[in-house]
Amino acid sequence: MKSKKGFTLVELMVVILIVGILAAVAIPLMQGRIDKAKWSEANATAGTIRTAVRAYCAETSVATASALAPALSDAGTRAALGFALTDLEGTYFATGDYSISNINANGIAEITVQSGSKP
């Protein structure tokens, strides 16, 4: 008698089912990690901007800092705060995604982050 080697259709279907279940579980987990990475990047960059605004307020005045253009894509604002063109570029967010919403009397800035323009 000849011995046949290979997989039966049932064995292949079971493997496909297991791979499908693993993919269904893994994809949402990975999406959660990506969202967490985006939040971390935005939070870290906003902190850097906030620190730069406080330093600028200490060197000049809150009134001068409040007169800055809110968009960090503005070259004058970036230069005043000491950022180069690509300093605020990240994996998920570009420089234009950040803006200074408000600077209070103590020189503490409120930073707004728009949804990431990078995929």
Protein backbone atom coordinates (compact mmCIF):
# COMPACT_ATOMS: atom_id res chain seq x y z
CA MET A 1 0.00 0.00 0.00
CA LYS A 2 1.13 3.54 -0.75
CA SER A 3 1.32 5.95 2.14
CA LYS A 4 -0.05 9.39 1.36
CA LYS A 5 1.60 12.41 2.87
CA GLY A 6 -0.07 15.75 3.36
CA PHE A 7 -2.82 17.49 5.25
CA THR A 8 -6.51 16.74 5.11
CA LEU A 9 -9.02 19.43 4.32
CA VAL A 10 -10.26 19.39 7.92
CA GLU A 11 -6.75 20.01 9.27
CA LEU A 12 -6.27 22.96 6.90
CA MET A 13 -9.65 24.43 7.89
CA VAL A 14 -8.75 24.17 11.59
CA VAL A 15 -5.46 26.00 10.98
CA ILE A 16 -7.24 28.74 9.02
CA LEU A 17 -9.80 29.08 11.83
CA ILE A 18 -7.07 29.42 14.47
CA VAL A 19 -5.18 32.03 12.42
CA GLY A 20 -8.42 33.97 11.93
CA ILE A 21 -9.16 33.98 15.66
CA LEU A 22 -5.63 35.14 16.46
CA ALA A 23 -5.90 37.95 13.91
CA ALA A 24 -9.27 39.04 15.31
CA VAL A 25 -7.74 39.33 18.77
CA ALA A 26 -4.38 40.85 17.76
CA ILE A 27 -5.61 43.68 15.51
CA PRO A 28 -7.57 45.58 18.22
CA LEU A 29 -4.67 45.15 20.65
CA MET A 30 -2.25 46.67 18.14
CA GLN A 31 -4.64 49.56 17.42
CA GLY A 32 -4.73 50.34 21.14
CA ARG A 33 -0.94 50.45 21.24
CA ILE A 34 -0.85 52.83 18.26
CA ASP A 35 -3.37 55.16 19.93
CA LYS A 36 -1.30 55.15 23.11
CA ALA A 37 1.85 55.98 21.12
CA LYS A 38 0.07 58.90 19.43
CA TRP A 39 -1.09 60.24 22.79
CA SER A 40 2.41 59.94 24.24
CA GLU A 41 3.98 61.77 21.30
CA ALA A 42 1.44 64.60 21.43
CA ASN A 43 1.78 64.94 25.20
CA ALA A 44 5.59 65.02 25.11
CA THR A 45 5.72 67.61 22.32
CA ALA A 46 3.06 69.77 23.99
CA GLY A 47 5.18 69.71 27.15
CA THR A 48 8.22 70.84 25.18
CA ILE A 49 6.23 73.72 23.67
CA ARG A 50 4.82 74.67 27.09
CA THR A 51 8.35 74.80 28.54
CA ALA A 52 9.58 76.95 25.63
CA VAL A 53 6.69 79.39 26.12
CA ARG A 54 7.45 79.69 29.85
CA ALA A 55 11.11 80.39 29.08
CA TYR A 56 10.10 82.99 26.47
CA CYS A 57 7.77 84.66 29.00
CA ALA A 58 10.59 84.76 31.55
CA GLU A 59 12.95 86.38 29.03
CA THR A 60 10.44 88.90 27.67
CA SER A 61 6.99 89.28 29.21
CA VAL A 62 3.65 87.52 29.22
CA ALA A 63 2.20 90.30 27.04
CA THR A 64 4.93 89.79 24.43
CA ALA A 65 4.43 86.04 24.51
CA SER A 66 0.66 86.45 24.19
CA ALA A 67 1.23 88.43 20.98
CA LEU A 68 2.85 85.40 19.30
CA ALA A 69 0.96 83.85 16.43
CA PRO A 70 -0.85 80.81 17.86
CA ALA A 71 0.13 78.49 15.02
CA LEU A 72 3.51 76.85 15.47
CA SER A 73 3.71 76.53 11.71
CA ASP A 74 4.37 80.31 11.78
CA ALA A 75 8.12 80.88 11.28
CA GLY A 76 8.22 83.88 13.64
CA THR A 77 6.62 81.96 16.49
CA ARG A 78 8.94 79.00 15.99
CA ALA A 79 12.00 81.26 15.92
CA ALA A 80 10.90 83.19 19.02
CA LEU A 81 10.48 79.94 20.95
CA GLY A 82 13.79 78.56 19.67
CA PHE A 83 12.47 75.73 17.51
CA ALA A 84 13.94 74.79 14.15
CA LEU A 85 11.62 73.84 11.30
CA THR A 86 11.74 70.10 12.04
CA ASP A 87 12.06 70.17 15.85
CA LEU A 88 8.37 69.49 16.40
CA GLU A 89 8.00 66.88 13.65
CA GLY A 90 7.12 63.46 14.99
CA THR A 91 5.96 60.10 13.78
CA TYR A 92 2.25 60.94 13.94
CA PHE A 93 2.10 64.75 14.21
CA ALA A 94 3.55 67.60 12.16
CA THR A 95 4.49 71.09 13.37
CA GLY A 96 1.19 72.51 12.07
CA ASP A 97 -0.82 70.17 14.30
CA TYR A 98 0.15 72.14 17.42
CA SER A 99 -1.08 75.60 18.38
CA ILE A 100 -0.88 77.84 21.44
CA SER A 101 -4.46 78.34 22.63
CA ASN A 102 -3.87 80.58 25.62
CA ILE A 103 -1.07 81.97 27.80
CA ASN A 104 -2.17 82.85 31.34
CA ALA A 105 -0.72 85.56 33.61
CA ASN A 106 1.89 83.16 35.00
CA GLY A 107 3.21 82.34 31.53
CA ILE A 108 1.69 78.87 31.46
CA ALA A 109 0.54 78.01 27.96
CA GLU A 110 -2.41 75.91 26.90
CA ILE A 111 -1.42 73.84 23.88
CA THR A 112 -3.97 72.46 21.41
CA VAL A 113 -3.13 69.37 19.39
CA GLN A 114 -5.18 68.68 16.28
CA SER A 115 -5.58 65.21 14.88
CA GLY A 116 -2.34 63.98 13.39
CA SER A 117 -1.80 64.98 9.80
CA LYS A 118 0.56 62.07 9.29
CA PRO A 119 -0.84 58.58 8.72
